[in-house]
Amino acid sequence: MKTNKVNVLEKLHAQACEAGQRQAAVLSQTQDQYRHALKLLSELQAHAIAYQQRQRDRDAGGVAWGEAQAMRNFITTLRTAVAAQRVEVNRLQGLLDEQTRAWTTTRQRTKALESLLAKRRSKALATQRLREQAELDDWLLHQASRRAA
């Protein structure tokens, strides 16, 4: 019966470890995606700022209306891309937070199972030692009584 409990705990621990490893791998991929998305957002923002500055410089220097309109349209497109990338960064951040919580929960469960297993094993070892000591005491008692007889 006690061995069955330990076996069940060992199976649960193994499952928790496997789940934790899978979650850690997915979390790592999401972190990579998040870093890439942040880098892309930063680059898009830098381009938008650079083109806005170019537009101001051109407007001050006098440029053809069609060319100025094309630049404004391009800057609008860049701003739209920046906004879309911000949405993606926020989505990935939320996903990352969720995956981190799930991994942390699984890790805590794994640690709790490890602790419980260690206690069970320690208790089983202590019980075994008590049993062995009782057998030895019994044997010694019987040896002493045989000598007396």
N, C-alpha and C. Protein backbone atom coordinates (compact mmCIF):
# COMPACT_ATOMS: atom_id res chain seq x y z
N MET A 1 0.83 -1.20 0.00
CA MET A 1 0.00 0.00 0.00
C MET A 1 0.87 1.25 0.00
N LYS A 2 1.84 1.29 0.92
CA LYS A 2 2.72 2.46 0.98
C LYS A 2 3.56 2.57 -0.28
N THR A 3 3.99 1.44 -0.80
CA THR A 3 4.77 1.44 -2.03
C THR A 3 3.93 2.00 -3.18
N ASN A 4 2.64 1.66 -3.19
CA ASN A 4 1.76 2.19 -4.24
C ASN A 4 1.68 3.71 -4.17
N LYS A 5 1.63 4.25 -2.95
CA LYS A 5 1.58 5.71 -2.79
C LYS A 5 2.86 6.34 -3.32
N VAL A 6 3.98 5.72 -3.01
CA VAL A 6 5.26 6.24 -3.50
C VAL A 6 5.31 6.15 -5.02
N ASN A 7 4.85 5.03 -5.56
CA ASN A 7 4.83 4.87 -7.03
C ASN A 7 3.95 5.92 -7.69
N VAL A 8 2.80 6.18 -7.10
CA VAL A 8 1.90 7.20 -7.64
C VAL A 8 2.57 8.57 -7.56
N LEU A 9 3.20 8.86 -6.42
CA LEU A 9 3.89 10.14 -6.27
C LEU A 9 5.03 10.27 -7.29
N GLU A 10 5.76 9.19 -7.51
CA GLU A 10 6.85 9.22 -8.49
C GLU A 10 6.32 9.47 -9.90
N LYS A 11 5.20 8.85 -10.24
CA LYS A 11 4.59 9.08 -11.55
C LYS A 11 4.12 10.52 -11.69
N LEU A 12 3.48 11.03 -10.65
CA LEU A 12 3.03 12.43 -10.68
C LEU A 12 4.22 13.37 -10.80
N HIS A 13 5.29 13.07 -10.09
CA HIS A 13 6.49 13.90 -10.16
C HIS A 13 7.08 13.87 -11.57
N ALA A 14 7.17 12.69 -12.16
CA ALA A 14 7.70 12.57 -13.52
C ALA A 14 6.84 13.35 -14.51
N GLN A 15 5.53 13.25 -14.36
CA GLN A 15 4.62 13.99 -15.25
C GLN A 15 4.80 15.50 -15.06
N ALA A 16 4.93 15.93 -13.82
CA ALA A 16 5.13 17.36 -13.55
C ALA A 16 6.45 17.84 -14.14
N CYS A 17 7.49 17.02 -14.03
CA CYS A 17 8.79 17.38 -14.61
C CYS A 17 8.68 17.52 -16.13
N GLU A 18 8.03 16.56 -16.76
CA GLU A 18 7.86 16.62 -18.22
C GLU A 18 7.06 17.84 -18.63
N ALA A 19 5.99 18.11 -17.91
CA ALA A 19 5.16 19.28 -18.22
C ALA A 19 5.98 20.56 -18.05
N GLY A 20 6.78 20.61 -17.00
CA GLY A 20 7.62 21.78 -16.76
C GLY A 20 8.63 21.98 -17.88
N GLN A 21 9.20 20.89 -18.36
CA GLN A 21 10.17 20.99 -19.46
C GLN A 21 9.50 21.48 -20.74
N ARG A 22 8.31 20.95 -21.02
CA ARG A 22 7.57 21.41 -22.22
C ARG A 22 7.23 22.89 -22.09
N GLN A 23 6.74 23.27 -20.91
CA GLN A 23 6.38 24.67 -20.70
C GLN A 23 7.59 25.57 -20.79
N ALA A 24 8.72 25.13 -20.29
CA ALA A 24 9.94 25.94 -20.36
C ALA A 24 10.37 26.13 -21.81
N ALA A 25 10.22 25.10 -22.64
CA ALA A 25 10.59 25.21 -24.05
C ALA A 25 9.67 26.20 -24.77
N VAL A 26 8.38 26.11 -24.51
CA VAL A 26 7.42 27.03 -25.13
C VAL A 26 7.68 28.45 -24.64
N LEU A 27 7.97 28.59 -23.36
CA LEU A 27 8.27 29.89 -22.78
C LEU A 27 9.50 30.50 -23.43
N SER A 28 10.51 29.70 -23.66
CA SER A 28 11.73 30.18 -24.31
C SER A 28 11.43 30.68 -25.73
N GLN A 29 10.62 29.94 -26.46
CA GLN A 29 10.25 30.37 -27.82
C GLN A 29 9.49 31.69 -27.78
N THR A 30 8.57 31.81 -26.84
CA THR A 30 7.79 33.04 -26.73
C THR A 30 8.69 34.21 -26.35
N GLN A 31 9.67 33.97 -25.48
CA GLN A 31 10.62 35.03 -25.11
C GLN A 31 11.40 35.49 -26.34
N ASP A 32 11.81 34.54 -27.18
CA ASP A 32 12.52 34.89 -28.41
C ASP A 32 11.63 35.73 -29.33
N GLN A 33 10.38 35.31 -29.48
CA GLN A 33 9.44 36.06 -30.31
C GLN A 33 9.23 37.47 -29.75
N TYR A 34 9.11 37.55 -28.44
CA TYR A 34 8.90 38.85 -27.79
C TYR A 34 10.09 39.77 -28.02
N ARG A 35 11.30 39.24 -27.83
CA ARG A 35 12.50 40.06 -28.07
C ARG A 35 12.56 40.53 -29.53
N HIS A 36 12.24 39.63 -30.45
CA HIS A 36 12.23 39.99 -31.87
C HIS A 36 11.19 41.07 -32.15
N ALA A 37 10.02 40.93 -31.57
CA ALA A 37 8.94 41.91 -31.77
C ALA A 37 9.34 43.27 -31.20
N LEU A 38 9.99 43.28 -30.04
CA LEU A 38 10.46 44.54 -29.46
C LEU A 38 11.50 45.21 -30.35
N LYS A 39 12.40 44.39 -30.88
CA LYS A 39 13.44 44.93 -31.77
C LYS A 39 12.79 45.54 -33.01
N LEU A 40 11.84 44.85 -33.58
CA LEU A 40 11.14 45.35 -34.77
C LEU A 40 10.39 46.64 -34.45
N LEU A 41 9.75 46.69 -33.30
CA LEU A 41 9.04 47.90 -32.89
C LEU A 41 10.00 49.07 -32.78
N SER A 42 11.14 48.84 -32.16
CA SER A 42 12.14 49.88 -32.00
C SER A 42 12.63 50.38 -33.37
N GLU A 43 12.88 49.46 -34.28
CA GLU A 43 13.33 49.84 -35.62
C GLU A 43 12.27 50.64 -36.37
N LEU A 44 11.02 50.19 -36.26
CA LEU A 44 9.93 50.92 -36.93
C LEU A 44 9.78 52.33 -36.36
N GLN A 45 9.88 52.44 -35.04
CA GLN A 45 9.77 53.76 -34.41
C GLN A 45 10.92 54.66 -34.86
N ALA A 46 12.11 54.11 -34.96
CA ALA A 46 13.26 54.90 -35.41
C ALA A 46 13.06 55.37 -36.85
N HIS A 47 12.55 54.49 -37.70
CA HIS A 47 12.28 54.88 -39.09
C HIS A 47 11.22 55.97 -39.16
N ALA A 48 10.18 55.81 -38.36
CA ALA A 48 9.11 56.81 -38.36
C ALA A 48 9.65 58.18 -37.94
N ILE A 49 10.46 58.21 -36.91
CA ILE A 49 11.05 59.47 -36.45
C ILE A 49 11.95 60.07 -37.53
N ALA A 50 12.76 59.22 -38.15
CA ALA A 50 13.68 59.71 -39.19
C ALA A 50 12.89 60.30 -40.37
N TYR A 51 11.85 59.62 -40.81
CA TYR A 51 11.08 60.13 -41.94
C TYR A 51 10.27 61.38 -41.58
N GLN A 52 9.81 61.47 -40.34
CA GLN A 52 9.13 62.69 -39.91
C GLN A 52 10.09 63.87 -39.94
N GLN A 53 11.32 63.63 -39.51
CA GLN A 53 12.33 64.69 -39.55
C GLN A 53 12.62 65.09 -40.99
N ARG A 54 12.73 64.11 -41.87
CA ARG A 54 12.95 64.41 -43.30
C ARG A 54 11.80 65.23 -43.87
N GLN A 55 10.59 64.87 -43.47
CA GLN A 55 9.42 65.60 -43.94
C GLN A 55 9.47 67.05 -43.48
N ARG A 56 9.82 67.28 -42.22
CA ARG A 56 9.91 68.65 -41.71
C ARG A 56 10.99 69.43 -42.47
N ASP A 57 12.13 68.77 -42.72
CA ASP A 57 13.21 69.43 -43.45
C ASP A 57 12.77 69.77 -44.88
N ARG A 58 12.08 68.86 -45.51
CA ARG A 58 11.62 69.10 -46.88
C ARG A 58 10.57 70.20 -46.94
N ASP A 59 9.66 70.16 -45.94
CA ASP A 59 8.62 71.19 -45.91
C ASP A 59 9.24 72.58 -45.74
N ALA A 60 10.30 72.66 -44.93
CA ALA A 60 10.96 73.94 -44.71
C ALA A 60 11.70 74.39 -45.97
N GLY A 61 12.19 73.46 -46.75
CA GLY A 61 12.95 73.79 -47.96
C GLY A 61 12.07 73.96 -49.18
N GLY A 62 10.82 73.66 -49.07
CA GLY A 62 9.92 73.78 -50.21
C GLY A 62 10.09 72.61 -51.16
N VAL A 63 9.09 71.77 -51.22
CA VAL A 63 9.13 70.58 -52.06
C VAL A 63 7.80 70.50 -52.82
N ALA A 64 7.80 69.79 -53.90
CA ALA A 64 6.60 69.66 -54.72
C ALA A 64 5.49 69.01 -53.90
N TRP A 65 4.24 69.43 -54.18
CA TRP A 65 3.09 68.96 -53.41
C TRP A 65 2.96 67.44 -53.50
N GLY A 66 3.09 66.87 -54.65
CA GLY A 66 2.95 65.42 -54.84
C GLY A 66 4.00 64.65 -54.05
N GLU A 67 5.21 65.16 -54.05
CA GLU A 67 6.28 64.50 -53.30
C GLU A 67 6.00 64.60 -51.80
N ALA A 68 5.55 65.75 -51.34
CA ALA A 68 5.23 65.95 -49.92
C ALA A 68 4.08 65.04 -49.50
N GLN A 69 3.08 64.91 -50.38
CA GLN A 69 1.94 64.05 -50.08
C GLN A 69 2.36 62.58 -50.01
N ALA A 70 3.23 62.16 -50.90
CA ALA A 70 3.73 60.78 -50.89
C ALA A 70 4.48 60.50 -49.59
N MET A 71 5.28 61.48 -49.15
CA MET A 71 6.03 61.32 -47.89
C MET A 71 5.07 61.23 -46.71
N ARG A 72 4.03 62.07 -46.70
CA ARG A 72 3.04 62.02 -45.61
C ARG A 72 2.32 60.67 -45.60
N ASN A 73 1.98 60.16 -46.75
CA ASN A 73 1.32 58.85 -46.84
C ASN A 73 2.23 57.74 -46.32
N PHE A 74 3.52 57.85 -46.67
CA PHE A 74 4.47 56.84 -46.21
C PHE A 74 4.61 56.90 -44.68
N ILE A 75 4.66 58.12 -44.14
CA ILE A 75 4.78 58.28 -42.69
C ILE A 75 3.53 57.73 -42.01
N THR A 76 2.38 57.93 -42.60
CA THR A 76 1.13 57.37 -42.05
C THR A 76 1.19 55.85 -42.06
N THR A 77 1.72 55.30 -43.13
CA THR A 77 1.88 53.84 -43.21
C THR A 77 2.84 53.35 -42.13
N LEU A 78 3.92 54.08 -41.91
CA LEU A 78 4.87 53.72 -40.86
C LEU A 78 4.20 53.78 -39.48
N ARG A 79 3.41 54.81 -39.24
CA ARG A 79 2.71 54.93 -37.96
C ARG A 79 1.74 53.78 -37.75
N THR A 80 1.08 53.37 -38.82
CA THR A 80 0.15 52.23 -38.75
C THR A 80 0.92 50.96 -38.41
N ALA A 81 2.08 50.80 -39.03
CA ALA A 81 2.92 49.63 -38.75
C ALA A 81 3.41 49.64 -37.30
N VAL A 82 3.78 50.81 -36.80
CA VAL A 82 4.22 50.94 -35.41
C VAL A 82 3.08 50.55 -34.47
N ALA A 83 1.88 51.03 -34.75
CA ALA A 83 0.72 50.71 -33.90
C ALA A 83 0.44 49.21 -33.93
N ALA A 84 0.50 48.62 -35.12
CA ALA A 84 0.26 47.18 -35.23
C ALA A 84 1.33 46.39 -34.48
N GLN A 85 2.56 46.85 -34.57
CA GLN A 85 3.64 46.16 -33.87
C GLN A 85 3.50 46.31 -32.36
N ARG A 86 3.02 47.46 -31.91
CA ARG A 86 2.75 47.64 -30.47
C ARG A 86 1.71 46.64 -29.99
N VAL A 87 0.68 46.44 -30.79
CA VAL A 87 -0.36 45.46 -30.46
C VAL A 87 0.26 44.07 -30.35
N GLU A 88 1.12 43.73 -31.29
CA GLU A 88 1.80 42.42 -31.27
C GLU A 88 2.69 42.28 -30.05
N VAL A 89 3.43 43.32 -29.70
CA VAL A 89 4.29 43.28 -28.51
C VAL A 89 3.43 43.08 -27.27
N ASN A 90 2.32 43.79 -27.18
CA ASN A 90 1.42 43.64 -26.03
C ASN A 90 0.82 42.24 -25.96
N ARG A 91 0.47 41.68 -27.11
CA ARG A 91 -0.08 40.33 -27.16
C ARG A 91 0.95 39.32 -26.67
N LEU A 92 2.17 39.47 -27.16
CA LEU A 92 3.24 38.56 -26.75
C LEU A 92 3.58 38.72 -25.27
N GLN A 93 3.52 39.95 -24.77
CA GLN A 93 3.77 40.18 -23.34
C GLN A 93 2.72 39.47 -22.49
N GLY A 94 1.46 39.56 -22.91
CA GLY A 94 0.39 38.86 -22.19
C GLY A 94 0.59 37.35 -22.22
N LEU A 95 0.95 36.84 -23.39
CA LEU A 95 1.20 35.41 -23.55
C LEU A 95 2.38 34.98 -22.69
N LEU A 96 3.40 35.79 -22.69
CA LEU A 96 4.60 35.51 -21.89
C LEU A 96 4.26 35.48 -20.40
N ASP A 97 3.45 36.43 -19.96
CA ASP A 97 3.03 36.46 -18.55
C ASP A 97 2.24 35.20 -18.19
N GLU A 98 1.33 34.82 -19.08
CA GLU A 98 0.50 33.64 -18.85
C GLU A 98 1.36 32.37 -18.81
N GLN A 99 2.27 32.24 -19.74
CA GLN A 99 3.13 31.06 -19.78
C GLN A 99 4.07 31.02 -18.59
N THR A 100 4.54 32.17 -18.15
CA THR A 100 5.41 32.23 -16.97
C THR A 100 4.66 31.77 -15.73
N ARG A 101 3.42 32.23 -15.59
CA ARG A 101 2.59 31.80 -14.44
C ARG A 101 2.36 30.29 -14.47
N ALA A 102 2.06 29.76 -15.65
CA ALA A 102 1.82 28.31 -15.77
C ALA A 102 3.08 27.53 -15.44
N TRP A 103 4.22 27.98 -15.95
CA TRP A 103 5.48 27.29 -15.67
C TRP A 103 5.82 27.36 -14.18
N THR A 104 5.60 28.52 -13.57
CA THR A 104 5.88 28.70 -12.15
C THR A 104 4.99 27.77 -11.32
N THR A 105 3.73 27.67 -11.67
CA THR A 105 2.81 26.78 -10.96
C THR A 105 3.26 25.33 -11.08
N THR A 106 3.64 24.94 -12.28
CA THR A 106 4.12 23.57 -12.49
C THR A 106 5.41 23.33 -11.71
N ARG A 107 6.29 24.31 -11.69
CA ARG A 107 7.55 24.18 -10.96
C ARG A 107 7.28 24.04 -9.46
N GLN A 108 6.34 24.81 -8.94
CA GLN A 108 5.99 24.71 -7.53
C GLN A 108 5.41 23.33 -7.21
N ARG A 109 4.59 22.83 -8.12
CA ARG A 109 4.01 21.50 -7.93
C ARG A 109 5.12 20.44 -7.94
N THR A 110 6.06 20.57 -8.84
CA THR A 110 7.18 19.63 -8.91
C THR A 110 7.97 19.65 -7.60
N LYS A 111 8.26 20.85 -7.10
CA LYS A 111 9.01 20.97 -5.85
C LYS A 111 8.22 20.36 -4.67
N ALA A 112 6.92 20.58 -4.65
CA ALA A 112 6.09 20.02 -3.57
C ALA A 112 6.10 18.50 -3.63
N LEU A 113 6.00 17.95 -4.84
CA LEU A 113 6.04 16.50 -5.00
C LEU A 113 7.41 15.95 -4.59
N GLU A 114 8.47 16.66 -4.94
CA GLU A 114 9.81 16.24 -4.54
C GLU A 114 9.92 16.20 -3.01
N SER A 115 9.39 17.20 -2.36
CA SER A 115 9.43 17.26 -0.90
C SER A 115 8.63 16.12 -0.29
N LEU A 116 7.45 15.89 -0.83
CA LEU A 116 6.60 14.81 -0.33
C LEU A 116 7.26 13.44 -0.55
N LEU A 117 7.86 13.27 -1.70
CA LEU A 117 8.58 12.02 -1.98
C LEU A 117 9.73 11.82 -1.00
N ALA A 118 10.47 12.87 -0.75
CA ALA A 118 11.60 12.77 0.18
C ALA A 118 11.11 12.39 1.58
N LYS A 119 10.00 12.97 2.01
CA LYS A 119 9.43 12.64 3.32
C LYS A 119 8.98 11.18 3.36
N ARG A 120 8.31 10.75 2.29
CA ARG A 120 7.84 9.35 2.22
C ARG A 120 9.02 8.39 2.25
N ARG A 121 10.04 8.70 1.50
CA ARG A 121 11.22 7.82 1.46
C ARG A 121 11.92 7.79 2.81
N SER A 122 12.03 8.96 3.44
CA SER A 122 12.67 9.03 4.74
C SER A 122 11.87 8.24 5.77
N LYS A 123 10.57 8.36 5.72
CA LYS A 123 9.70 7.63 6.64
C LYS A 123 9.80 6.13 6.39
N ALA A 124 9.83 5.74 5.12
CA ALA A 124 9.95 4.32 4.78
C ALA A 124 11.29 3.77 5.27
N LEU A 125 12.35 4.54 5.11
CA LEU A 125 13.67 4.11 5.57
C LEU A 125 13.70 3.98 7.08
N ALA A 126 13.11 4.92 7.78
CA ALA A 126 13.07 4.86 9.25
C ALA A 126 12.26 3.65 9.70
N THR A 127 11.15 3.38 9.04
CA THR A 127 10.33 2.22 9.37
C THR A 127 11.10 0.93 9.12
N GLN A 128 11.83 0.88 8.02
CA GLN A 128 12.63 -0.30 7.70
C GLN A 128 13.72 -0.51 8.74
N ARG A 129 14.36 0.56 9.15
CA ARG A 129 15.42 0.46 10.17
C ARG A 129 14.84 -0.02 11.51
N LEU A 130 13.66 0.49 11.88
CA LEU A 130 13.01 0.04 13.12
C LEU A 130 12.68 -1.44 13.04
N ARG A 131 12.18 -1.88 11.90
CA ARG A 131 11.84 -3.29 11.70
C ARG A 131 13.10 -4.16 11.80
N GLU A 132 14.16 -3.71 11.14
CA GLU A 132 15.42 -4.46 11.21
C GLU A 132 15.96 -4.52 12.63
N GLN A 133 15.85 -3.40 13.35
CA GLN A 133 16.32 -3.37 14.74
C GLN A 133 15.47 -4.30 15.59
N ALA A 134 14.16 -4.32 15.37
CA ALA A 134 13.28 -5.22 16.12
C ALA A 134 13.63 -6.67 15.83
N GLU A 135 13.91 -6.99 14.57
CA GLU A 135 14.30 -8.36 14.21
C GLU A 135 15.63 -8.73 14.88
N LEU A 136 16.57 -7.81 14.87
CA LEU A 136 17.85 -8.06 15.50
C LEU A 136 17.69 -8.27 17.01
N ASP A 137 16.88 -7.39 17.63
CA ASP A 137 16.62 -7.53 19.07
C ASP A 137 15.97 -8.87 19.36
N ASP A 138 15.00 -9.26 18.54
CA ASP A 138 14.31 -10.53 18.71
C ASP A 138 15.31 -11.69 18.56
N TRP A 139 16.15 -11.60 17.57
CA TRP A 139 17.14 -12.66 17.34
C TRP A 139 18.09 -12.75 18.53
N LEU A 140 18.56 -11.58 19.01
CA LEU A 140 19.46 -11.58 20.16
C LEU A 140 18.78 -12.15 21.40
N LEU A 141 17.49 -11.83 21.58
CA LEU A 141 16.73 -12.34 22.72
C LEU A 141 16.63 -13.86 22.63
N HIS A 142 16.36 -14.37 21.45
CA HIS A 142 16.23 -15.81 21.26
C HIS A 142 17.61 -16.48 21.45
N GLN A 143 18.67 -15.82 21.00
CA GLN A 143 20.02 -16.37 21.18
C GLN A 143 20.34 -16.47 22.67
N ALA A 144 19.99 -15.44 23.41
CA ALA A 144 20.27 -15.43 24.84
C ALA A 144 19.45 -16.51 25.54
N SER A 145 18.19 -16.69 25.15
CA SER A 145 17.35 -17.71 25.79
C SER A 145 17.81 -19.10 25.41
N ARG A 146 18.35 -19.31 24.24
CA ARG A 146 18.87 -20.62 23.82
C ARG A 146 20.13 -20.98 24.63
N ARG A 147 20.94 -20.00 24.90
CA ARG A 147 22.14 -20.22 25.69
C ARG A 147 21.78 -20.59 27.12
N ALA A 148 20.74 -19.93 27.62
CA ALA A 148 20.31 -20.18 29.00
C ALA A 148 19.73 -21.57 29.14
N ALA A 149 19.14 -22.08 28.09
CA ALA A 149 18.48 -23.39 28.17
C ALA A 149 19.39 -24.54 27.96
